[in-house]
Amino acid sequence: MASSGSLRGKMVTVLSIDGGGVRGIIPGTILAFLESKLQELDGPDSRIADYFDIIAGTSTGGLVTAMITAPNKDHRPMFAARDIIKFYLEHCPQIFPQKNRNNMMNPIRSLVGASMGPKYDGKKLRSLVNGLLGDTTLSQTLTNVVVPTFDIKRLQPVIFSTHDARANPLKNARLADVCIGTAAAPTFLPAHYFETIDENGKAHSFDLIDGGVAANNPTLVALSHIRRESLLHDGEFKDINLRETDPILVLSLGTGVAKHEEKYSATEASRWGLINWILHNGFTPLLDIFNDASSDMVDIHLSTLFQFLSCKHNYLRIQDDTLIGEESSVDVATPKNLQRLMEIGQKLLQKRVSRVKLETGRFEEIEGEGTNGDALNCFATRLSTERKRRNK
């Protein structure tokens, strides 16, 4: 949609993708379905980036965001949505070699490993992302992207965006560096350092870890950028200048959580020390708690806001909260688990549209709103209509 012919649209369209390691297969499955519906409406060359003004992604969601917005040699998205799953199936076992994870399941090795460095050295991820994206920078993405990270040197979130990259060379980082930074989950992958340099030789350094510590669900971050982001018009990027009367269409994709499993308890945790809070039975309680809490609070705020504004159908959150065991891990990259995650994404399309309840923390089905697949069909129609209106 960033390349559409009309500067202003009747609505601003936003896509957001959560963090979650190998569980990125779940939103990848959802995006493949949505893109197939858009192709049915507008032809086989249609891509997700053609329809969203802003695409935000954290951690694994940041990688997906880069895959579908980075330009290839023909100035089209590097990946079609259907290729995301294939990418994860092929490369996740190399990024997260299971011998490392199995070693950490042993309590003694877990204790030693936690004191020696991250579970994975990150070499495969860095090599893969650098090879894929090369020197492509944020300013070159095909639509506006927003990727949260966290700078541990300055102890503050760093939000990378296409808008800022075009306005300030010191914020125009390589897309590969942004992806590696936002995916650097503490205890799992090493922190990432890089610098940007402007035309005067001035440098700015970044000491980054996973954006999930700041915004695992980046939907609210994306919405905060709407007034500052731009649309491409006649080769130039212009401000959206959103008016209060303009609607916003938001699709927010989760990577699954394990609420029903109830994997931790106060009785058990009351005896934990530092190591158990960081690593427990192959899982990471602190990261799980922070990531799930922030994701749910964003969803609750936005769901309430859109209902208050009488436009609840303009906000769709698709999330599965029934994961169990290895399904809920960020790094179990066995063929069996990766296949299972793909199946979870497919079944999620058949589940009824749900909203999280603050009292229970669980997603509850909404009567009369059909399945997630039905909702995505409606989204596809609205996205297609808006794009055609702009192209006139």
Protein backbone atom coordinates (compact mmCIF):
# COMPACT_ATOMS: atom_id res chain seq x y z
CA MET A 1 0.00 0.00 0.00
CA ALA A 2 3.02 2.21 0.41
CA SER A 3 3.34 2.25 -3.37
CA SER A 4 -0.26 3.20 -4.09
CA GLY A 5 -1.13 6.12 -6.28
CA SER A 6 -3.26 8.07 -3.80
CA LEU A 7 -1.66 9.82 -0.86
CA ARG A 8 -4.60 9.51 1.53
CA GLY A 9 -6.83 6.53 2.16
CA LYS A 10 -10.14 6.13 3.94
CA MET A 11 -8.32 4.00 6.46
CA VAL A 12 -4.81 3.34 7.77
CA THR A 13 -3.87 -0.33 7.77
CA VAL A 14 -1.59 -1.93 10.39
CA LEU A 15 -0.13 -5.42 10.73
CA SER A 16 1.64 -6.52 13.92
CA ILE A 17 3.54 -9.75 14.61
CA ASP A 18 4.59 -10.90 18.10
CA GLY A 19 7.89 -12.38 19.18
CA GLY A 20 8.20 -16.08 19.99
CA GLY A 21 11.19 -17.83 18.40
CA VAL A 22 10.28 -20.96 16.44
CA ARG A 23 6.62 -20.20 17.16
CA GLY A 24 6.87 -17.63 14.35
CA ILE A 25 5.56 -20.47 12.21
CA ILE A 26 2.09 -19.80 13.66
CA PRO A 27 1.69 -16.20 12.36
CA GLY A 28 3.52 -17.32 9.22
CA THR A 29 0.66 -19.74 8.58
CA ILE A 30 -1.92 -17.00 9.18
CA LEU A 31 -0.14 -14.63 6.78
CA ALA A 32 0.04 -17.30 4.08
CA PHE A 33 -3.75 -17.72 4.34
CA LEU A 34 -4.38 -13.97 4.21
CA GLU A 35 -2.09 -13.49 1.23
CA SER A 36 -3.80 -16.34 -0.64
CA LYS A 37 -7.14 -14.57 -0.17
CA LEU A 38 -5.68 -11.30 -1.41
CA GLN A 39 -4.33 -13.11 -4.45
CA GLU A 40 -7.77 -14.54 -5.17
CA LEU A 41 -9.08 -10.97 -5.22
CA ASP A 42 -6.22 -9.12 -6.91
CA GLY A 43 -4.03 -11.63 -8.72
CA PRO A 44 -1.08 -13.96 -7.98
CA ASP A 45 1.49 -11.17 -7.70
CA SER A 46 -0.23 -9.60 -4.68
CA ARG A 47 1.86 -9.49 -1.51
CA ILE A 48 1.16 -8.57 2.12
CA ALA A 49 3.36 -5.45 1.89
CA ASP A 50 1.10 -4.06 -0.85
CA TYR A 51 -1.78 -3.70 1.61
CA PHE A 52 -0.42 -2.46 4.95
CA ASP A 53 0.74 1.07 5.68
CA ILE A 54 2.68 -0.12 8.72
CA ILE A 55 4.04 -3.58 9.52
CA ALA A 56 5.49 -4.05 13.01
CA GLY A 57 7.36 -7.08 14.30
CA THR A 58 9.26 -8.02 17.45
CA SER A 59 11.99 -10.68 17.64
CA THR A 60 10.89 -13.52 15.32
CA GLY A 61 8.10 -11.17 14.20
CA GLY A 62 10.78 -8.67 13.21
CA LEU A 63 12.41 -11.28 11.01
CA VAL A 64 9.08 -12.06 9.33
CA THR A 65 8.51 -8.32 8.87
CA ALA A 66 11.86 -7.99 7.10
CA MET A 67 11.19 -11.03 4.91
CA ILE A 68 7.93 -9.63 3.56
CA THR A 69 9.04 -5.98 3.21
CA ALA A 70 12.67 -6.14 2.06
CA PRO A 71 12.97 -5.53 -1.70
CA ASN A 72 14.41 -8.05 -4.14
CA LYS A 73 16.15 -7.04 -7.38
CA ASP A 74 12.75 -6.36 -8.96
CA HIS A 75 11.75 -4.09 -6.09
CA ARG A 76 9.16 -6.56 -4.90
CA PRO A 77 9.01 -8.34 -1.51
CA MET A 78 11.85 -10.80 -1.03
CA PHE A 79 9.48 -13.46 0.32
CA ALA A 80 5.89 -14.36 -0.38
CA ALA A 81 4.00 -15.20 2.81
CA ARG A 82 3.70 -18.85 1.80
CA ASP A 83 7.52 -19.12 1.86
CA ILE A 84 7.82 -18.15 5.55
CA ILE A 85 6.94 -21.63 6.83
CA LYS A 86 9.41 -23.27 4.45
CA PHE A 87 12.10 -20.86 5.69
CA TYR A 88 11.44 -21.73 9.34
CA LEU A 89 11.30 -25.48 8.71
CA GLU A 90 14.62 -25.37 6.89
CA HIS A 91 16.61 -23.00 9.10
CA CYS A 92 15.29 -23.20 12.69
CA PRO A 93 17.05 -26.53 13.41
CA GLN A 94 20.35 -24.86 12.49
CA ILE A 95 19.68 -21.68 14.47
CA PHE A 96 18.61 -23.69 17.53
CA PRO A 97 20.63 -26.95 17.41
CA GLN A 98 18.89 -29.39 19.75
CA LYS A 99 22.10 -30.74 21.28
CA ASN A 100 22.49 -27.35 22.98
CA ARG A 101 18.96 -27.46 24.34
CA ASN A 102 19.29 -31.06 25.56
CA ASN A 103 22.44 -30.14 27.47
CA MET A 104 20.57 -27.36 29.25
CA MET A 105 17.86 -29.78 30.39
CA ASN A 106 20.40 -31.34 32.78
CA PRO A 107 20.30 -29.30 36.05
CA ILE A 108 24.10 -29.30 36.50
CA ARG A 109 24.82 -28.43 32.87
CA SER A 110 22.04 -25.85 33.01
CA LEU A 111 23.69 -24.14 35.97
CA VAL A 112 27.13 -24.21 34.33
CA GLY A 113 25.74 -23.18 30.94
CA ALA A 114 23.82 -20.22 32.38
CA SER A 115 27.05 -18.88 33.85
CA MET A 116 29.13 -19.46 30.71
CA GLY A 117 27.09 -17.67 28.06
CA PRO A 118 23.92 -17.86 25.94
CA LYS A 119 22.45 -21.23 25.01
CA TYR A 120 23.17 -20.65 21.30
CA ASP A 121 26.12 -18.80 19.78
CA GLY A 122 23.95 -17.03 17.19
CA LYS A 123 26.45 -17.63 14.37
CA LYS A 124 23.93 -19.36 12.12
CA LEU A 125 21.32 -16.65 12.68
CA ARG A 126 23.80 -13.89 11.89
CA SER A 127 25.11 -15.67 8.81
CA LEU A 128 21.61 -16.41 7.56
CA VAL A 129 20.20 -12.92 8.09
CA ASN A 130 23.28 -11.17 6.69
CA GLY A 131 23.22 -13.43 3.64
CA LEU A 132 19.52 -12.84 3.14
CA LEU A 133 19.35 -9.07 3.64
CA GLY A 134 22.92 -7.96 2.88
CA ASP A 135 23.28 -4.17 3.08
CA THR A 136 19.58 -3.42 2.65
CA THR A 137 18.69 -0.64 5.07
CA LEU A 138 15.52 0.33 6.87
CA SER A 139 14.95 3.21 4.49
CA GLN A 140 14.56 0.77 1.59
CA THR A 141 11.65 -1.32 2.89
CA LEU A 142 8.64 -1.52 0.58
CA THR A 143 6.27 -0.23 3.23
CA ASN A 144 6.74 1.36 6.63
CA VAL A 145 8.14 -1.05 9.22
CA VAL A 146 8.45 -0.69 13.00
CA VAL A 147 10.76 -3.02 14.98
CA PRO A 148 11.24 -2.72 18.78
CA THR A 149 14.60 -3.56 20.39
CA PHE A 150 16.17 -2.75 23.76
CA ASP A 151 19.51 -1.03 24.29
CA ILE A 152 21.16 -2.49 27.42
CA LYS A 153 23.87 0.18 27.53
CA ARG A 154 21.36 3.02 27.75
CA LEU A 155 18.66 0.88 29.43
CA GLN A 156 15.95 2.09 27.10
CA PRO A 157 13.83 0.74 24.24
CA VAL A 158 15.01 1.55 20.74
CA ILE A 159 12.26 1.55 18.14
CA PHE A 160 13.55 1.27 14.58
CA SER A 161 11.25 2.53 11.87
CA THR A 162 11.34 3.31 8.18
CA HIS A 163 10.16 6.85 8.89
CA ASP A 164 13.03 7.58 11.27
CA ALA A 165 15.53 5.90 8.93
CA ARG A 166 14.57 8.24 6.10
CA ALA A 167 14.69 11.28 8.35
CA ASN A 168 17.97 10.55 10.13
CA PRO A 169 20.95 8.64 8.66
CA LEU A 170 22.05 7.60 12.16
CA LYS A 171 18.79 5.66 12.47
CA ASN A 172 19.08 4.11 9.01
CA ALA A 173 20.51 0.80 10.20
CA ARG A 174 21.02 -2.26 8.07
CA LEU A 175 17.86 -4.34 8.21
CA ALA A 176 20.02 -7.36 9.06
CA ASP A 177 21.40 -5.63 12.18
CA VAL A 178 17.88 -4.69 13.28
CA CYS A 179 16.68 -8.29 12.88
CA ILE A 180 19.64 -9.76 14.77
CA GLY A 181 19.20 -7.19 17.54
CA THR A 182 15.47 -7.66 18.04
CA ALA A 183 15.92 -11.47 18.12
CA ALA A 184 18.73 -11.49 20.71
CA ALA A 185 16.69 -13.06 23.51
CA PRO A 186 18.58 -13.04 26.84
CA THR A 187 19.97 -16.49 27.79
CA PHE A 188 19.22 -17.77 24.26
CA LEU A 189 21.24 -15.61 21.86
CA PRO A 190 24.10 -13.11 22.30
CA ALA A 191 23.45 -9.37 22.48
CA HIS A 192 24.17 -7.53 19.23
CA TYR A 193 26.43 -4.49 18.79
CA PHE A 194 26.66 -2.33 15.69
CA GLU A 195 27.13 1.28 14.63
CA THR A 196 25.55 3.62 12.13
CA ILE A 197 27.47 6.50 10.52
CA ASP A 198 26.06 9.61 8.87
CA GLU A 199 27.43 11.55 5.88
CA ASN A 200 29.63 13.66 8.20
CA GLY A 201 31.28 10.61 9.76
CA LYS A 202 29.37 10.89 13.02
CA ALA A 203 28.71 7.47 14.57
CA HIS A 204 25.98 6.12 16.82
CA SER A 205 26.33 2.80 18.63
CA PHE A 206 23.68 0.25 19.56
CA ASP A 207 23.96 -2.48 22.23
CA LEU A 208 20.79 -4.46 21.61
CA ILE A 209 18.82 -7.37 22.99
CA ASP A 210 15.42 -8.85 22.15
CA GLY A 211 12.68 -6.29 21.58
CA GLY A 212 10.35 -8.58 23.54
CA VAL A 213 11.62 -7.15 26.83
CA ALA A 214 10.04 -3.85 25.76
CA ALA A 215 7.16 -4.81 23.48
CA ASN A 216 6.67 -8.48 22.67
CA ASN A 217 3.35 -7.48 21.12
CA PRO A 218 4.31 -4.41 19.04
CA THR A 219 0.78 -3.38 18.03
CA LEU A 220 0.66 -0.38 20.35
CA VAL A 221 4.14 0.68 19.21
CA ALA A 222 2.93 0.55 15.61
CA LEU A 223 -0.13 2.66 16.38
CA SER A 224 2.01 5.27 18.14
CA HIS A 225 3.88 5.75 14.85
CA ILE A 226 0.82 6.41 12.72
CA ARG A 227 0.94 10.19 12.95
CA ARG A 228 4.63 10.17 12.03
CA GLU A 229 4.74 7.52 9.33
CA SER A 230 4.53 8.15 5.60
CA LEU A 231 2.95 6.89 2.42
CA LEU A 232 4.73 6.75 -0.90
CA HIS A 233 3.21 9.09 -3.47
CA ASP A 234 4.79 9.82 -6.85
CA GLY A 235 8.15 8.61 -5.60
CA GLU A 236 8.11 10.70 -2.42
CA PHE A 237 7.06 9.82 1.11
CA LYS A 238 4.42 12.11 2.55
CA ASP A 239 2.94 12.29 6.05
CA ILE A 240 -0.25 10.33 6.66
CA ASN A 241 -1.71 13.19 8.72
CA LEU A 242 -4.38 10.97 10.22
CA ARG A 243 -7.58 12.76 11.10
CA GLU A 244 -9.68 11.80 14.11
CA THR A 245 -12.42 10.60 11.80
CA ASP A 246 -10.18 8.25 9.79
CA PRO A 247 -10.58 4.57 10.71
CA ILE A 248 -7.67 2.29 11.47
CA LEU A 249 -7.69 -1.38 10.47
CA VAL A 250 -5.43 -3.51 12.69
CA LEU A 251 -4.42 -7.15 12.40
CA SER A 252 -2.38 -8.39 15.38
CA LEU A 253 -0.86 -11.88 15.24
CA GLY A 254 0.37 -13.78 18.29
CA THR A 255 2.78 -16.70 18.37
CA GLY A 256 0.88 -18.77 20.94
CA VAL A 257 1.05 -19.07 24.72
CA ALA A 258 0.54 -21.80 27.33
CA LYS A 259 -2.13 -20.31 29.60
CA HIS A 260 -4.21 -23.48 29.89
CA GLU A 261 -1.22 -25.61 30.83
CA GLU A 262 -0.53 -23.54 33.95
CA LYS A 263 3.16 -24.47 33.77
CA TYR A 264 4.27 -22.54 36.89
CA SER A 265 2.81 -22.27 40.41
CA ALA A 266 3.39 -20.04 43.43
CA THR A 267 4.04 -23.10 45.61
CA GLU A 268 6.81 -24.20 43.29
CA ALA A 269 8.20 -20.72 42.55
CA SER A 270 8.34 -19.81 46.25
CA ARG A 271 11.37 -22.08 46.52
CA TRP A 272 13.15 -20.78 43.41
CA GLY A 273 16.41 -18.90 43.43
CA LEU A 274 17.92 -16.81 40.64
CA ILE A 275 18.80 -19.75 38.38
CA ASN A 276 15.31 -21.28 38.51
CA TRP A 277 13.68 -17.99 37.63
CA ILE A 278 15.95 -17.78 34.59
CA LEU A 279 15.93 -21.47 33.61
CA HIS A 280 13.50 -24.11 34.86
CA ASN A 281 12.93 -27.51 33.23
CA GLY A 282 14.12 -26.18 29.90
CA PHE A 283 11.87 -23.09 30.04
CA THR A 284 12.53 -19.46 30.98
CA PRO A 285 9.97 -18.29 33.58
CA LEU A 286 11.01 -14.63 33.74
CA LEU A 287 10.96 -14.19 29.96
CA ASP A 288 7.65 -16.05 29.68
CA ILE A 289 6.07 -13.87 32.36
CA PHE A 290 7.30 -10.54 30.98
CA ASN A 291 6.49 -11.39 27.36
CA ASP A 292 3.03 -12.82 28.01
CA ALA A 293 2.07 -10.04 30.42
CA SER A 294 3.06 -7.23 28.05
CA SER A 295 1.39 -8.93 25.08
CA ASP A 296 -1.90 -9.42 26.92
CA MET A 297 -1.98 -5.87 28.30
CA VAL A 298 -1.56 -4.44 24.81
CA ASP A 299 -4.37 -6.67 23.54
CA ILE A 300 -6.67 -5.75 26.43
CA HIS A 301 -6.05 -2.01 25.98
CA LEU A 302 -6.66 -2.07 22.23
CA SER A 303 -9.64 -4.39 22.37
CA THR A 304 -11.26 -2.12 24.94
CA LEU A 305 -10.39 1.01 22.96
CA PHE A 306 -11.79 -0.26 19.67
CA GLN A 307 -14.99 -1.42 21.38
CA PHE A 308 -15.32 1.98 23.08
CA LEU A 309 -14.95 3.69 19.70
CA SER A 310 -17.68 1.41 18.27
CA CYS A 311 -15.32 -0.10 15.69
CA LYS A 312 -14.48 -3.48 17.25
CA HIS A 313 -14.39 -5.14 13.83
CA ASN A 314 -11.44 -2.93 12.89
CA TYR A 315 -9.22 -4.75 15.39
CA LEU A 316 -8.51 -8.46 15.03
CA ARG A 317 -6.16 -10.28 17.40
CA ILE A 318 -5.43 -13.90 16.45
CA GLN A 319 -3.76 -15.86 19.23
CA ASP A 320 -3.71 -19.45 20.53
CA ASP A 321 -3.46 -19.79 24.31
CA THR A 322 -3.67 -23.60 24.47
CA LEU A 323 -0.04 -24.54 23.77
CA ILE A 324 1.41 -27.30 25.93
CA GLY A 325 4.88 -28.65 26.62
CA GLU A 326 7.45 -28.14 23.89
CA GLU A 327 4.93 -26.25 21.72
CA SER A 328 5.28 -23.26 24.04
CA SER A 329 9.08 -23.17 23.88
CA VAL A 330 10.89 -20.63 21.71
CA ASP A 331 13.68 -23.01 20.69
CA VAL A 332 12.43 -26.60 20.29
CA ALA A 333 13.31 -26.90 16.61
CA THR A 334 12.76 -30.61 16.14
CA PRO A 335 10.93 -31.60 12.93
CA LYS A 336 8.09 -32.97 15.07
CA ASN A 337 7.56 -29.73 16.99
CA LEU A 338 7.93 -27.49 13.93
CA GLN A 339 5.33 -29.58 12.12
CA ARG A 340 3.08 -29.36 15.17
CA LEU A 341 3.36 -25.56 15.24
CA MET A 342 2.35 -25.43 11.59
CA GLU A 343 -0.70 -27.56 12.38
CA ILE A 344 -1.56 -25.25 15.30
CA GLY A 345 -1.53 -22.29 12.91
CA GLN A 346 -3.81 -24.11 10.48
CA LYS A 347 -6.25 -25.11 13.22
CA LEU A 348 -6.22 -21.56 14.54
CA LEU A 349 -7.84 -20.48 11.27
CA GLN A 350 -10.76 -22.77 12.09
CA LYS A 351 -11.20 -21.53 15.66
CA ARG A 352 -13.79 -18.92 16.48
CA VAL A 353 -12.77 -15.28 16.86
CA SER A 354 -11.81 -14.72 20.51
CA ARG A 355 -10.85 -11.91 22.86
CA VAL A 356 -8.74 -12.08 26.00
CA LYS A 357 -10.59 -11.56 29.30
CA LEU A 358 -8.76 -9.55 31.94
CA GLU A 359 -10.28 -11.60 34.78
CA THR A 360 -9.04 -14.96 33.50
CA GLY A 361 -6.24 -14.03 31.10
CA ARG A 362 -7.70 -16.53 28.64
CA PHE A 363 -9.16 -16.04 25.20
CA GLU A 364 -12.92 -16.55 25.06
CA GLU A 365 -14.93 -17.11 21.90
CA ILE A 366 -17.21 -14.34 20.69
CA GLU A 367 -20.68 -15.37 19.65
CA GLY A 368 -21.73 -14.56 16.12
CA GLU A 369 -18.34 -13.56 14.71
CA GLY A 370 -17.40 -16.79 12.93
CA THR A 371 -13.91 -18.24 12.67
CA ASN A 372 -10.56 -16.51 12.39
CA GLY A 373 -10.54 -17.65 8.76
CA ASP A 374 -13.88 -15.91 8.21
CA ALA A 375 -12.53 -12.73 9.83
CA LEU A 376 -9.42 -12.83 7.63
CA ASN A 377 -11.62 -13.21 4.56
CA CYS A 378 -13.39 -10.01 5.57
CA PHE A 379 -10.05 -8.32 6.21
CA ALA A 380 -8.82 -9.36 2.77
CA THR A 381 -11.89 -7.85 1.14
CA ARG A 382 -11.50 -4.58 3.02
CA LEU A 383 -7.76 -4.40 2.28
CA SER A 384 -8.38 -5.09 -1.41
CA THR A 385 -11.15 -2.48 -1.62
CA GLU A 386 -8.94 0.14 0.01
CA ARG A 387 -6.01 -0.61 -2.28
CA LYS A 388 -8.19 -0.39 -5.39
CA ARG A 389 -9.67 2.88 -4.16
CA ARG A 390 -6.16 4.31 -3.73
CA ASN A 391 -4.98 3.05 -7.09
CA LYS A 392 -7.72 5.05 -8.80
